[in-house]
C-alpha atoms as a PDB file:
ATOM      1  CA  MET A   1       0.000   0.000   0.000  1.00  0.00           C
ATOM      2  CA  SER A   2       2.995   2.324  -0.385  1.00  0.00           C
ATOM      3  CA  THR A   3       1.896   5.475  -2.131  1.00  0.00           C
ATOM      4  CA  ASN A   4       2.852   9.036  -2.822  1.00  0.00           C
ATOM      5  CA  VAL A   5       1.271  11.491  -0.447  1.00  0.00           C
ATOM      6  CA  ARG A   6      -0.729  14.517  -1.490  1.00  0.00           C
ATOM      7  CA  ARG A   7       0.298  17.771   0.139  1.00  0.00           C
ATOM      8  CA  GLU A   8      -1.287  18.164   3.555  1.00  0.00           C
ATOM      9  CA  PRO A   9      -2.040  21.102   5.825  1.00  0.00           C
ATOM     10  CA  SER A  10       1.142  22.292   7.483  1.00  0.00           C
ATOM     11  CA  SER A  11       2.046  20.203  10.527  1.00  0.00           C
ATOM     12  CA  ARG A  12       5.093  22.222  11.582  1.00  0.00           C
ATOM     13  CA  HIS A  13       5.816  22.009  15.293  1.00  0.00           C
ATOM     14  CA  ARG A  14       3.713  24.280  17.463  1.00  0.00           C
ATOM     15  CA  ASP A  15       4.415  24.772  21.136  1.00  0.00           C
ATOM     16  CA  ASN A  16       1.156  24.001  22.864  1.00  0.00           C
ATOM     17  CA  SER A  17       2.737  23.299  26.249  1.00  0.00           C
ATOM     18  CA  SER A  18       0.367  25.997  27.479  1.00  0.00           C
ATOM     19  CA  LEU A  19      -3.083  24.441  27.365  1.00  0.00           C
ATOM     20  CA  ASP A  20      -4.616  27.856  26.813  1.00  0.00           C
ATOM     21  CA  ALA A  21      -2.897  27.980  23.398  1.00  0.00           C
ATOM     22  CA  ILE A  22      -5.179  25.341  21.857  1.00  0.00           C
ATOM     23  CA  ARG A  23      -7.317  26.671  19.026  1.00  0.00           C
ATOM     24  CA  LEU A  24      -9.917  24.381  17.457  1.00  0.00           C
ATOM     25  CA  PRO A  25     -13.001  25.389  15.451  1.00  0.00           C
ATOM     26  CA  VAL A  26     -15.702  23.531  17.386  1.00  0.00           C
ATOM     27  CA  ALA A  27     -18.821  22.965  15.289  1.00  0.00           C
ATOM     28  CA  GLY A  28     -20.805  20.996  17.847  1.00  0.00           C
ATOM     29  CA  LEU A  29     -20.813  18.657  20.829  1.00  0.00           C
ATOM     30  CA  VAL A  30     -22.767  15.488  21.551  1.00  0.00           C
ATOM     31  CA  PRO A  31     -22.488  15.249  25.345  1.00  0.00           C
ATOM     32  CA  MET A  32     -23.130  11.509  25.590  1.00  0.00           C
ATOM     33  CA  THR A  33     -23.377   8.628  23.107  1.00  0.00           C
ATOM     34  CA  THR A  34     -22.890   4.869  23.014  1.00  0.00           C
ATOM     35  CA  LEU A  35     -22.704   4.754  19.199  1.00  0.00           C
ATOM     36  CA  ASP A  36     -19.623   6.734  18.210  1.00  0.00           C
ATOM     37  CA  TYR A  37     -17.014   4.701  20.134  1.00  0.00           C
ATOM     38  CA  PRO A  38     -18.244   1.083  20.241  1.00  0.00           C
ATOM     39  CA  GLY A  39     -18.461  -0.314  23.749  1.00  0.00           C
ATOM     40  CA  HIS A  40     -17.787   3.022  25.462  1.00  0.00           C
ATOM     41  CA  LEU A  41     -19.795   5.910  26.838  1.00  0.00           C
ATOM     42  CA  ALA A  42     -18.361   8.908  25.035  1.00  0.00           C
ATOM     43  CA  CYS A  43     -18.893  12.496  24.029  1.00  0.00           C
ATOM     44  CA  VAL A  44     -18.251  13.658  20.465  1.00  0.00           C
ATOM     45  CA  VAL A  45     -16.544  16.946  19.603  1.00  0.00           C
ATOM     46  CA  PHE A  46     -17.245  18.005  16.008  1.00  0.00           C
ATOM     47  CA  LEU A  47     -14.641  20.188  14.302  1.00  0.00           C
ATOM     48  CA  GLN A  48     -15.371  22.535  11.430  1.00  0.00           C
ATOM     49  CA  GLY A  49     -13.945  21.972   7.970  1.00  0.00           C
ATOM     50  CA  CYS A  50     -13.688  19.152   5.443  1.00  0.00           C
ATOM     51  CA  PRO A  51     -11.824  18.847   2.115  1.00  0.00           C
ATOM     52  CA  LEU A  52     -14.302  16.267   0.764  1.00  0.00           C
ATOM     53  CA  ARG A  53     -17.582  16.884  -1.022  1.00  0.00           C
ATOM     54  CA  CYS A  54     -19.552  13.656  -0.663  1.00  0.00           C
ATOM     55  CA  GLY A  55     -22.943  13.966  -2.343  1.00  0.00           C
ATOM     56  CA  TYR A  56     -24.760  12.313   0.588  1.00  0.00           C
ATOM     57  CA  CYS A  57     -23.125  14.534   3.250  1.00  0.00           C
ATOM     58  CA  HIS A  58     -25.858  15.545   5.708  1.00  0.00           C
ATOM     59  CA  ASN A  59     -23.692  18.072   7.584  1.00  0.00           C
ATOM     60  CA  PRO A  60     -22.910  20.548   4.777  1.00  0.00           C
ATOM     61  CA  GLN A  61     -22.690  23.355   7.321  1.00  0.00           C
ATOM     62  CA  MET A  62     -19.462  21.776   8.612  1.00  0.00           C
ATOM     63  CA  LEU A  63     -17.613  21.782   5.275  1.00  0.00           C
ATOM     64  CA  SER A  64     -16.164  25.289   5.178  1.00  0.00           C
ATOM     65  CA  SER A  65     -12.994  25.704   7.211  1.00  0.00           C
ATOM     66  CA  ARG A  66     -12.282  28.478   9.681  1.00  0.00           C
ATOM     67  CA  GLN A  67      -9.821  29.478  12.402  1.00  0.00           C
ATOM     68  CA  GLY A  68     -10.713  28.282  15.883  1.00  0.00           C
ATOM     69  CA  THR A  69     -10.712  30.559  18.918  1.00  0.00           C
ATOM     70  CA  LEU A  70      -9.180  29.974  22.340  1.00  0.00           C
ATOM     71  CA  GLN A  71     -12.617  30.155  23.938  1.00  0.00           C
ATOM     72  CA  GLU A  72     -14.003  27.264  21.910  1.00  0.00           C
ATOM     73  CA  TRP A  73     -11.607  24.670  23.281  1.00  0.00           C
ATOM     74  CA  ALA A  74     -11.704  26.280  26.732  1.00  0.00           C
ATOM     75  CA  GLU A  75     -15.444  25.546  26.847  1.00  0.00           C
ATOM     76  CA  ILE A  76     -14.869  21.938  25.777  1.00  0.00           C
ATOM     77  CA  ARG A  77     -12.159  21.620  28.430  1.00  0.00           C
ATOM     78  CA  GLY A  78     -14.590  22.832  31.061  1.00  0.00           C
ATOM     79  CA  PHE A  79     -17.171  20.308  29.895  1.00  0.00           C
ATOM     80  CA  LEU A  80     -14.643  17.460  30.049  1.00  0.00           C
ATOM     81  CA  GLU A  81     -13.538  18.434  33.533  1.00  0.00           C
ATOM     82  CA  SER A  82     -17.176  18.221  34.641  1.00  0.00           C
ATOM     83  CA  ARG A  83     -17.532  14.721  33.144  1.00  0.00           C
ATOM     84  CA  LYS A  84     -14.486  13.032  34.667  1.00  0.00           C
ATOM     85  CA  GLY A  85     -15.581   9.672  36.020  1.00  0.00           C
ATOM     86  CA  LEU A  86     -18.865   9.841  34.100  1.00  0.00           C
ATOM     87  CA  LEU A  87     -17.678   9.377  30.514  1.00  0.00           C
ATOM     88  CA  ASP A  88     -15.155   6.857  29.213  1.00  0.00           C
ATOM     89  CA  ALA A  89     -13.940   8.636  26.121  1.00  0.00           C
ATOM     90  CA  VAL A  90     -13.782  11.702  23.892  1.00  0.00           C
ATOM     91  CA  VAL A  91     -14.260  11.239  20.142  1.00  0.00           C
ATOM     92  CA  PHE A  92     -13.059  13.925  17.728  1.00  0.00           C
ATOM     93  CA  SER A  93     -15.153  14.029  14.567  1.00  0.00           C
ATOM     94  CA  GLY A  94     -16.010  16.430  11.790  1.00  0.00           C
ATOM     95  CA  GLY A  95     -15.829  17.533   9.155  1.00  0.00           C
ATOM     96  CA  GLU A  96     -12.340  16.126   8.889  1.00  0.00           C
ATOM     97  CA  PRO A  97     -10.704  16.714  12.280  1.00  0.00           C
ATOM     98  CA  THR A  98      -7.158  15.935  11.133  1.00  0.00           C
ATOM     99  CA  MET A  99      -7.154  19.219   9.204  1.00  0.00           C
ATOM    100  CA  HIS A 100      -6.358  21.054  12.433  1.00  0.00           C
ATOM    101  CA  ALA A 101      -2.820  21.511  13.753  1.00  0.00           C
ATOM    102  CA  ASP A 102      -3.872  21.756  17.420  1.00  0.00           C
ATOM    103  CA  LEU A 103      -5.754  18.457  17.428  1.00  0.00           C
ATOM    104  CA  ALA A 104      -2.815  16.537  18.930  1.00  0.00           C
ATOM    105  CA  ALA A 105      -2.608  18.993  21.831  1.00  0.00           C
ATOM    106  CA  ALA A 106      -6.343  18.655  22.481  1.00  0.00           C
ATOM    107  CA  MET A 107      -6.073  14.859  22.429  1.00  0.00           C
ATOM    108  CA  ARG A 108      -3.154  14.989  24.823  1.00  0.00           C
ATOM    109  CA  GLU A 109      -5.173  17.130  27.188  1.00  0.00           C
ATOM    110  CA  ALA A 110      -8.141  14.746  27.009  1.00  0.00           C
ATOM    111  CA  LYS A 111      -5.818  11.865  27.903  1.00  0.00           C
ATOM    112  CA  THR A 112      -4.404  13.873  30.813  1.00  0.00           C
ATOM    113  CA  LEU A 113      -7.951  14.309  32.116  1.00  0.00           C
ATOM    114  CA  GLY A 114      -8.336  10.528  32.134  1.00  0.00           C
ATOM    115  CA  PHE A 115     -10.366   9.919  28.967  1.00  0.00           C
ATOM    116  CA  LYS A 116      -9.744   7.468  26.170  1.00  0.00           C
ATOM    117  CA  VAL A 117      -9.494   9.204  22.799  1.00  0.00           C
ATOM    118  CA  GLY A 118     -11.279   8.237  19.604  1.00  0.00           C
ATOM    119  CA  LEU A 119     -11.135   9.724  16.119  1.00  0.00           C
ATOM    120  CA  HIS A 120     -13.460   9.729  13.113  1.00  0.00           C
ATOM    121  CA  THR A 121     -11.470  10.377   9.934  1.00  0.00           C
ATOM    122  CA  ALA A 122     -11.424   9.692   6.208  1.00  0.00           C
ATOM    123  CA  GLY A 123      -7.648   9.307   6.396  1.00  0.00           C
ATOM    124  CA  VAL A 124      -6.843  11.887   3.752  1.00  0.00           C
ATOM    125  CA  TYR A 125      -3.948  13.418   5.730  1.00  0.00           C
ATOM    126  CA  PRO A 126      -1.717  10.456   6.662  1.00  0.00           C
ATOM    127  CA  LYS A 127       1.241  12.526   7.868  1.00  0.00           C
ATOM    128  CA  ARG A 128      -0.990  14.420  10.268  1.00  0.00           C
ATOM    129  CA  LEU A 129      -2.645  11.163  11.337  1.00  0.00           C
ATOM    130  CA  GLU A 130       0.753   9.692  12.155  1.00  0.00           C
ATOM    131  CA  THR A 131       1.405  12.497  14.653  1.00  0.00           C
ATOM    132  CA  LEU A 132      -1.863  11.636  16.437  1.00  0.00           C
ATOM    133  CA  LEU A 133      -1.157   7.933  16.964  1.00  0.00           C
ATOM    134  CA  PRO A 134       0.433   8.320  20.446  1.00  0.00           C
ATOM    135  CA  TRP A 135      -2.838   9.752  21.795  1.00  0.00           C
ATOM    136  CA  LEU A 136      -5.334   7.458  20.079  1.00  0.00           C
ATOM    137  CA  ASP A 137      -7.153   4.468  21.576  1.00  0.00           C
ATOM    138  CA  TRP A 138      -9.649   3.866  18.761  1.00  0.00           C
ATOM    139  CA  VAL A 139     -10.252   5.067  15.182  1.00  0.00           C
ATOM    140  CA  GLY A 140     -13.314   4.911  12.970  1.00  0.00           C
ATOM    141  CA  LEU A 141     -11.921   5.121   9.407  1.00  0.00           C
ATOM    142  CA  ASP A 142     -14.394   6.282   6.774  1.00  0.00           C
ATOM    143  CA  VAL A 143     -13.792   4.177   3.650  1.00  0.00           C
ATOM    144  CA  LYS A 144     -15.563   5.950   0.788  1.00  0.00           C
ATOM    145  CA  GLY A 145     -14.709   3.271  -1.759  1.00  0.00           C
ATOM    146  CA  HIS A 146     -11.739   1.672  -3.476  1.00  0.00           C
ATOM    147  CA  ALA A 147      -9.381   3.546  -5.806  1.00  0.00           C
ATOM    148  CA  ASN A 148     -11.335   5.629  -8.344  1.00  0.00           C
ATOM    149  CA  ASN A 149     -14.576   4.908  -6.517  1.00  0.00           C
ATOM    150  CA  PHE A 150     -13.181   6.615  -3.398  1.00  0.00           C
ATOM    151  CA  GLU A 151     -12.492   9.777  -5.346  1.00  0.00           C
ATOM    152  CA  ARG A 152     -15.823   9.701  -7.166  1.00  0.00           C
ATOM    153  CA  VAL A 153     -17.796   9.333  -3.918  1.00  0.00           C
ATOM    154  CA  ALA A 154     -15.644  11.862  -2.072  1.00  0.00           C
ATOM    155  CA  GLY A 155     -15.978  14.422  -4.862  1.00  0.00           C
ATOM    156  CA  ARG A 156     -12.275  15.252  -4.883  1.00  0.00           C
ATOM    157  CA  PRO A 157      -9.459  13.713  -6.997  1.00  0.00           C
ATOM    158  CA  GLY A 158      -6.062  12.611  -5.759  1.00  0.00           C
ATOM    159  CA  LEU A 159      -7.016  11.521  -2.231  1.00  0.00           C
ATOM    160  CA  TRP A 160      -7.452   7.743  -2.384  1.00  0.00           C
ATOM    161  CA  LYS A 161      -3.699   7.076  -2.188  1.00  0.00           C
ATOM    162  CA  ASN A 162      -3.558   9.189   0.978  1.00  0.00           C
ATOM    163  CA  HIS A 163      -6.442   7.205   2.417  1.00  0.00           C
ATOM    164  CA  ALA A 164      -4.757   3.907   1.516  1.00  0.00           C
ATOM    165  CA  GLN A 165      -1.602   5.033   3.298  1.00  0.00           C
ATOM    166  CA  SER A 166      -3.627   5.945   6.387  1.00  0.00           C
ATOM    167  CA  LEU A 167      -5.302   2.530   6.399  1.00  0.00           C
ATOM    168  CA  ALA A 168      -1.912   0.798   6.266  1.00  0.00           C
ATOM    169  CA  LEU A 169      -0.613   3.088   9.011  1.00  0.00           C
ATOM    170  CA  LEU A 170      -3.531   2.256  11.296  1.00  0.00           C
ATOM    171  CA  LEU A 171      -3.354  -1.485  10.651  1.00  0.00           C
ATOM    172  CA  ASP A 172       0.359  -1.452  11.501  1.00  0.00           C
ATOM    173  CA  SER A 173      -0.179   0.655  14.643  1.00  0.00           C
ATOM    174  CA  GLY A 174      -2.264  -1.901  16.536  1.00  0.00           C
ATOM    175  CA  ILE A 175      -4.751   0.809  17.538  1.00  0.00           C
ATOM    176  CA  ALA A 176      -8.330  -0.482  17.709  1.00  0.00           C
ATOM    177  CA  LEU A 177      -9.819   0.190  14.282  1.00  0.00           C
ATOM    178  CA  GLU A 178     -13.261   0.041  12.745  1.00  0.00           C
ATOM    179  CA  CYS A 179     -13.593   0.737   9.038  1.00  0.00           C
ATOM    180  CA  ARG A 180     -16.991   2.020   7.972  1.00  0.00           C
ATOM    181  CA  THR A 181     -18.598   2.766   4.620  1.00  0.00           C
ATOM    182  CA  THR A 182     -21.690   4.883   4.083  1.00  0.00           C
ATOM    183  CA  ILE A 183     -23.855   3.285   1.406  1.00  0.00           C
ATOM    184  CA  HIS A 184     -25.911   5.516  -0.849  1.00  0.00           C
ATOM    185  CA  TRP A 185     -27.288   3.610  -3.809  1.00  0.00           C
ATOM    186  CA  ARG A 186     -26.336   6.439  -6.186  1.00  0.00           C
ATOM    187  CA  ASP A 187     -22.721   5.486  -5.438  1.00  0.00           C
ATOM    188  CA  PHE A 188     -22.927   1.720  -4.953  1.00  0.00           C
ATOM    189  CA  ASP A 189     -24.565  -1.460  -6.113  1.00  0.00           C
ATOM    190  CA  LEU A 190     -24.330  -4.791  -4.297  1.00  0.00           C
ATOM    191  CA  GLU A 191     -21.380  -5.973  -6.377  1.00  0.00           C
ATOM    192  CA  THR A 192     -19.411  -2.795  -5.577  1.00  0.00           C
ATOM    193  CA  VAL A 193     -20.123  -3.236  -1.870  1.00  0.00           C
ATOM    194  CA  LYS A 194     -18.941  -6.848  -2.082  1.00  0.00           C
ATOM    195  CA  ARG A 195     -15.711  -5.937  -3.913  1.00  0.00           C
ATOM    196  CA  LEU A 196     -14.907  -3.222  -1.388  1.00  0.00           C
ATOM    197  CA  ALA A 197     -15.474  -5.570   1.550  1.00  0.00           C
ATOM    198  CA  LEU A 198     -13.272  -8.250  -0.021  1.00  0.00           C
ATOM    199  CA  ASN A 199     -10.535  -5.680  -0.631  1.00  0.00           C
ATOM    200  CA  LEU A 200     -10.621  -4.666   3.038  1.00  0.00           C
ATOM    201  CA  ILE A 201     -10.398  -8.321   4.074  1.00  0.00           C
ATOM    202  CA  GLU A 202      -7.284  -8.679   1.912  1.00  0.00           C
ATOM    203  CA  CYS A 203      -5.777  -5.638   3.641  1.00  0.00           C
ATOM    204  CA  GLY A 204      -6.333  -7.216   7.070  1.00  0.00           C
ATOM    205  CA  VAL A 205      -9.359  -5.244   8.294  1.00  0.00           C
ATOM    206  CA  GLU A 206     -11.205  -7.156  11.014  1.00  0.00           C
ATOM    207  CA  HIS A 207     -14.005  -4.797  12.049  1.00  0.00           C
ATOM    208  CA  TYR A 208     -16.283  -3.289   9.408  1.00  0.00           C
ATOM    209  CA  ALA A 209     -19.556  -1.391   9.499  1.00  0.00           C
ATOM    210  CA  LEU A 210     -21.884  -0.567   6.610  1.00  0.00           C
ATOM    211  CA  GLN A 211     -24.047   2.482   7.160  1.00  0.00           C
ATOM    212  CA  ILE A 212     -27.143   3.292   5.125  1.00  0.00           C
ATOM    213  CA  ALA A 213     -26.993   6.942   4.085  1.00  0.00           C
ATOM    214  CA  ARG A 214     -29.676   9.354   5.170  1.00  0.00           C
ATOM    215  CA  GLN A 215     -31.493  11.031   2.274  1.00  0.00           C
ATOM    216  CA  ASP A 216     -32.368  14.304   3.971  1.00  0.00           C
ATOM    217  CA  GLN A 217     -30.303  17.502   3.972  1.00  0.00           C
ATOM    218  CA  CYS A 218     -27.773  16.065   1.492  1.00  0.00           C
ATOM    219  CA  LEU A 219     -25.088  18.314   0.050  1.00  0.00           C
ATOM    220  CA  ASN A 220     -26.121  17.279  -3.480  1.00  0.00           C
ATOM    221  CA  PRO A 221     -29.913  17.575  -3.881  1.00  0.00           C
ATOM    222  CA  LYS A 222     -29.897  14.597  -6.272  1.00  0.00           C
ATOM    223  CA  TYR A 223     -29.017  12.388  -3.323  1.00  0.00           C
ATOM    224  CA  GLN A 224     -32.333  13.275  -1.708  1.00  0.00           C
ATOM    225  CA  GLN A 225     -34.260  11.767  -4.613  1.00  0.00           C
ATOM    226  CA  PRO A 226     -35.352   8.098  -4.823  1.00  0.00           C
ATOM    227  CA  VAL A 227     -32.935   5.751  -6.592  1.00  0.00           C
ATOM    228  CA  MET A 228     -34.581   3.510  -9.163  1.00  0.00           C
ATOM    229  CA  ASN A 229     -33.962  -0.252  -8.849  1.00  0.00           C
ATOM    230  CA  ARG A 230     -32.047   0.195  -5.621  1.00  0.00           C
ATOM    231  CA  PRO A 231     -31.206  -3.053  -3.794  1.00  0.00           C
ATOM    232  CA  THR A 232     -33.517  -3.932  -0.935  1.00  0.00           C
ATOM    233  CA  ARG A 233     -32.295  -3.933   2.627  1.00  0.00           C
ATOM    234  CA  GLN A 234     -32.953  -7.672   2.665  1.00  0.00           C
ATOM    235  CA  ALA A 235     -30.559  -8.168  -0.273  1.00  0.00           C
ATOM    236  CA  LEU A 236     -27.872  -6.181   1.536  1.00  0.00           C
ATOM    237  CA  GLU A 237     -28.455  -8.212   4.699  1.00  0.00           C
ATOM    238  CA  ARG A 238     -28.022 -11.443   2.713  1.00  0.00           C
ATOM    239  CA  LEU A 239     -24.691 -10.151   1.387  1.00  0.00           C
ATOM    240  CA  ILE A 240     -23.609  -9.334   4.933  1.00  0.00           C
ATOM    241  CA  VAL A 241     -24.450 -12.868   6.057  1.00  0.00           C
ATOM    242  CA  ARG A 242     -22.148 -14.233   3.320  1.00  0.00           C
ATOM    243  CA  LEU A 243     -19.307 -11.859   4.195  1.00  0.00           C
ATOM    244  CA  GLU A 244     -19.648 -11.960   7.975  1.00  0.00           C
ATOM    245  CA  PRO A 245     -17.502 -15.080   8.619  1.00  0.00           C
ATOM    246  CA  GLN A 246     -14.479 -13.326   7.108  1.00  0.00           C
ATOM    247  CA  PHE A 247     -14.557 -10.435   9.614  1.00  0.00           C
ATOM    248  CA  SER A 248     -14.282 -10.426  13.396  1.00  0.00           C
ATOM    249  CA  SER A 249     -17.322  -8.154  13.288  1.00  0.00           C
ATOM    250  CA  LEU A 250     -19.495  -6.917  10.422  1.00  0.00           C
ATOM    251  CA  VAL A 251     -22.510  -4.772  11.223  1.00  0.00           C
ATOM    252  CA  LEU A 252     -25.206  -2.862   9.352  1.00  0.00           C
ATOM    253  CA  ARG A 253     -26.283   0.513  10.738  1.00  0.00           C
ATOM    254  CA  ASP A 254     -28.384   3.468   9.777  1.00  0.00           C
ATOM    255  CA  ALA A 255     -26.093   6.486   9.401  1.00  0.00           C
END
C-alpha cells in the first residue's frame, strides 16, 4: 500500500505546552453517546472543515474551514472536567478533524484528564494522522470506496492514495480500528459493496460497518431523490451474512 502522499495542511511544530494555546473550530458537541465509540460511553466533539464533497453529506454546514478561537476549546475543556468519572472517552469528529494543527494537543489534554481518545477520519492526511497515533485508543476510518470509486464518492481527486496510506498506518499501529462505509445507492450497487469488503479483508481489516446513508439535507440535492432499482435492505443483509464469517465483526447501521 505504499503510495505518494498529497500535500497536507502544514504540521510544523507548534508549542502548545500551554493548554490555553489550543485553538480548534468547534462545530458541535454530543455530550453523551454509546454509538460513536463502540463499547464506550463517550462524548463527540465536532470540528469545522472538510476537504471532501460527498454527495450524501448531511452536515454541509461543517464543510467550510475556519480558524478556531481559544474560547471554543476552553469551553470543551470545562465540559470534560465536569464529566471526569462519568464518561469513558472523547471522540473527535467532523468535518475532517485531522485538518487542524492543534488536534494533537487537544487529544493529549483529554488523555491527561483521564479519557480514552477516539477519532473519526477519512484518512486523507496520513502525515498528520501519524502524529496523532500516540494519543489514540480507537479510530473509525471512513472508507468511501476503493481507488477511483473513493475519489468519485468523495468528490475530490487525488485523495485515495492518501487514504490507503492511512489505512496501512492504522493497521500497523495496533490501535483499535473500525472501518466504515456509508452506502448511498447512487454510489454503490451490491457488487461494488462486495468488492470493497473483499478488498478490506485482503488488507487485514477485522471490524467493518456498513451504514445506510440518510437522504435528507444532502449536500447534493440529487441524493435526496429516490434511486430507481435500488437493492432492498434484505438483499444487503443477505450479502452481509455471506461476508460476515471473514470479519471479526461486520454490522449494518443506519447512518
